[in-house]
C-alpha atoms as a PDB file:
ATOM      1  CA  UNK A   1     172.938  28.018  62.147  1.00  0.00           C
ATOM      2  CA  UNK A   2     169.056  28.471  61.860  1.00  0.00           C
ATOM      3  CA  UNK A   3     168.204  31.741  59.857  1.00  0.00           C
ATOM      4  CA  UNK A   4     166.921  34.870  62.366  1.00  0.00           C
ATOM      5  CA  UNK A   5     163.633  34.785  63.478  1.00  0.00           C
ATOM      6  CA  UNK A   6     161.490  36.975  61.813  1.00  0.00           C
ATOM      7  CA  UNK A   7     160.090  38.969  64.948  1.00  0.00           C
ATOM      8  CA  UNK A   8     157.388  40.843  61.729  1.00  0.00           C
ATOM      9  CA  UNK A   9     155.091  37.491  62.378  1.00  0.00           C
ATOM     10  CA  UNK A  10     154.916  39.010  66.241  1.00  0.00           C
ATOM     11  CA  UNK A  11     153.969  42.102  65.439  1.00  0.00           C
ATOM     12  CA  UNK A  12     151.518  43.254  68.616  1.00  0.00           C
ATOM     13  CA  UNK A  13     149.196  45.288  66.328  1.00  0.00           C
ATOM     14  CA  UNK A  14     147.557  42.374  64.698  1.00  0.00           C
ATOM     15  CA  UNK A  15     144.829  42.432  66.575  1.00  0.00           C
ATOM     16  CA  UNK A  16     144.119  46.549  65.141  1.00  0.00           C
ATOM     17  CA  UNK A  17     143.194  44.634  62.249  1.00  0.00           C
ATOM     18  CA  UNK A  18     140.096  43.252  63.362  1.00  0.00           C
ATOM     19  CA  UNK A  19     137.010  45.176  62.453  1.00  0.00           C
ATOM     20  CA  UNK A  20     135.729  46.054  65.962  1.00  0.00           C
ATOM     21  CA  UNK A  21     138.915  47.361  67.238  1.00  0.00           C
ATOM     22  CA  UNK A  22     138.068  50.903  66.751  1.00  0.00           C
ATOM     23  CA  UNK A  23     134.804  50.348  68.818  1.00  0.00           C
ATOM     24  CA  UNK A  24     136.479  48.454  71.588  1.00  0.00           C
ATOM     25  CA  UNK A  25     139.394  50.844  72.095  1.00  0.00           C
ATOM     26  CA  UNK A  26     136.800  53.196  72.621  1.00  0.00           C
ATOM     27  CA  UNK A  27     134.748  51.728  74.832  1.00  0.00           C
ATOM     28  CA  UNK A  28     138.091  50.555  76.904  1.00  0.00           C
ATOM     29  CA  UNK A  29     138.753  54.979  76.895  1.00  0.00           C
ATOM     30  CA  UNK A  30     135.448  55.442  77.743  1.00  0.00           C
ATOM     31  CA  UNK A  31     135.489  52.972  80.383  1.00  0.00           C
ATOM     32  CA  UNK A  32     138.648  54.425  81.907  1.00  0.00           C
ATOM     33  CA  UNK A  33     137.571  57.799  81.893  1.00  0.00           C
ATOM     34  CA  UNK A  34     134.455  56.978  84.063  1.00  0.00           C
ATOM     35  CA  UNK A  35     136.836  54.708  86.294  1.00  0.00           C
ATOM     36  CA  UNK A  36     139.104  57.569  86.989  1.00  0.00           C
ATOM     37  CA  UNK A  37     136.236  59.711  88.037  1.00  0.00           C
ATOM     38  CA  UNK A  38     134.840  56.628  90.186  1.00  0.00           C
ATOM     39  CA  UNK A  39     138.238  56.097  91.561  1.00  0.00           C
ATOM     40  CA  UNK A  40     139.085  60.052  92.503  1.00  0.00           C
ATOM     41  CA  UNK A  41     135.885  60.736  94.308  1.00  0.00           C
ATOM     42  CA  UNK A  42     134.705  57.508  95.883  1.00  0.00           C
ATOM     43  CA  UNK A  43     131.573  59.450  97.764  1.00  0.00           C
ATOM     44  CA  UNK A  44     130.498  61.294  94.754  1.00  0.00           C
ATOM     45  CA  UNK A  45     126.657  59.905  93.877  1.00  0.00           C
ATOM     46  CA  UNK A  46     126.902  61.117  90.241  1.00  0.00           C
ATOM     47  CA  UNK A  47     130.516  59.295  89.634  1.00  0.00           C
ATOM     48  CA  UNK A  48     129.306  56.324  91.290  1.00  0.00           C
ATOM     49  CA  UNK A  49     125.962  56.597  89.369  1.00  0.00           C
ATOM     50  CA  UNK A  50     128.023  57.137  86.363  1.00  0.00           C
ATOM     51  CA  UNK A  51     129.949  53.962  86.358  1.00  0.00           C
ATOM     52  CA  UNK A  52     126.806  51.928  87.275  1.00  0.00           C
ATOM     53  CA  UNK A  53     125.466  53.070  84.214  1.00  0.00           C
ATOM     54  CA  UNK A  54     128.016  52.507  81.786  1.00  0.00           C
ATOM     55  CA  UNK A  55     128.876  49.224  83.170  1.00  0.00           C
ATOM     56  CA  UNK A  56     124.945  48.591  82.683  1.00  0.00           C
ATOM     57  CA  UNK A  57     125.040  49.971  78.883  1.00  0.00           C
ATOM     58  CA  UNK A  58     127.950  48.633  77.928  1.00  0.00           C
ATOM     59  CA  UNK A  59     129.977  46.057  79.547  1.00  0.00           C
ATOM     60  CA  UNK A  60     128.560  43.773  77.392  1.00  0.00           C
ATOM     61  CA  UNK A  61     129.497  45.369  74.453  1.00  0.00           C
ATOM     62  CA  UNK A  62     133.126  45.203  75.816  1.00  0.00           C
ATOM     63  CA  UNK A  63     132.984  41.553  76.984  1.00  0.00           C
ATOM     64  CA  UNK A  64     131.906  40.510  73.531  1.00  0.00           C
ATOM     65  CA  UNK A  65     134.346  42.455  71.710  1.00  0.00           C
ATOM     66  CA  UNK A  66     137.022  42.009  73.641  1.00  0.00           C
ATOM     67  CA  UNK A  67     136.399  38.101  73.074  1.00  0.00           C
ATOM     68  CA  UNK A  68     136.295  38.628  69.124  1.00  0.00           C
ATOM     69  CA  UNK A  69     138.946  41.532  68.647  1.00  0.00           C
ATOM     70  CA  UNK A  70     141.936  39.839  70.605  1.00  0.00           C
ATOM     71  CA  UNK A  71     141.336  36.105  70.002  1.00  0.00           C
ATOM     72  CA  UNK A  72     144.051  36.349  67.500  1.00  0.00           C
ATOM     73  CA  UNK A  73     147.997  34.931  68.740  1.00  0.00           C
ATOM     74  CA  UNK A  74     150.084  37.526  69.588  1.00  0.00           C
ATOM     75  CA  UNK A  75     147.340  40.052  70.806  1.00  0.00           C
ATOM     76  CA  UNK A  76     148.957  39.848  74.481  1.00  0.00           C
ATOM     77  CA  UNK A  77     149.383  43.334  75.244  1.00  0.00           C
ATOM     78  CA  UNK A  78     145.631  43.772  74.182  1.00  0.00           C
ATOM     79  CA  UNK A  79     144.556  40.707  76.428  1.00  0.00           C
ATOM     80  CA  UNK A  80     145.614  42.027  79.258  1.00  0.00           C
ATOM     81  CA  UNK A  81     144.219  45.543  78.590  1.00  0.00           C
ATOM     82  CA  UNK A  82     140.955  43.456  77.977  1.00  0.00           C
ATOM     83  CA  UNK A  83     141.406  41.673  81.709  1.00  0.00           C
ATOM     84  CA  UNK A  84     142.486  44.754  83.258  1.00  0.00           C
ATOM     85  CA  UNK A  85     139.141  46.085  81.775  1.00  0.00           C
ATOM     86  CA  UNK A  86     136.734  42.798  82.780  1.00  0.00           C
ATOM     87  CA  UNK A  87     138.918  43.566  86.719  1.00  0.00           C
ATOM     88  CA  UNK A  88     137.656  47.311  86.654  1.00  0.00           C
ATOM     89  CA  UNK A  89     133.679  46.169  85.572  1.00  0.00           C
ATOM     90  CA  UNK A  90     134.369  44.988  89.610  1.00  0.00           C
ATOM     91  CA  UNK A  91     134.476  47.795  91.084  1.00  0.00           C
ATOM     92  CA  UNK A  92     131.692  49.240  92.860  1.00  0.00           C
ATOM     93  CA  UNK A  93     128.636  47.244  94.088  1.00  0.00           C
ATOM     94  CA  UNK A  94     129.374  43.600  94.074  1.00  0.00           C
ATOM     95  CA  UNK A  95     125.874  42.863  94.799  1.00  0.00           C
ATOM     96  CA  UNK A  96     125.220  44.226  91.160  1.00  0.00           C
ATOM     97  CA  UNK A  97     125.843  40.826  89.576  1.00  0.00           C
ATOM     98  CA  UNK A  98     123.670  41.648  86.141  1.00  0.00           C
ATOM     99  CA  UNK A  99     126.086  44.395  85.298  1.00  0.00           C
ATOM    100  CA  UNK A 100     128.881  42.286  84.670  1.00  0.00           C
END
């Protein structure tokens, strides 16, 4: 029989070693907080503007860091989180293409 598979090689935290990982996690946390307010108070103009402002100012950084941090093999949880973040960026005004 072959030896058991060494599961340490498949550690999901591999992508956390990337230099941009801490900033990416901070950006994703900010996005989640902003989206939470946006969804909780859909008629609130302030929550809508905060979301649109965050998206305009930070989404390019989030997209760029997601690509560089999650490109490694075995970062599947991060890849799923990055994809979910991209979907959240599409919330709001679908005509605001410049923000995404």
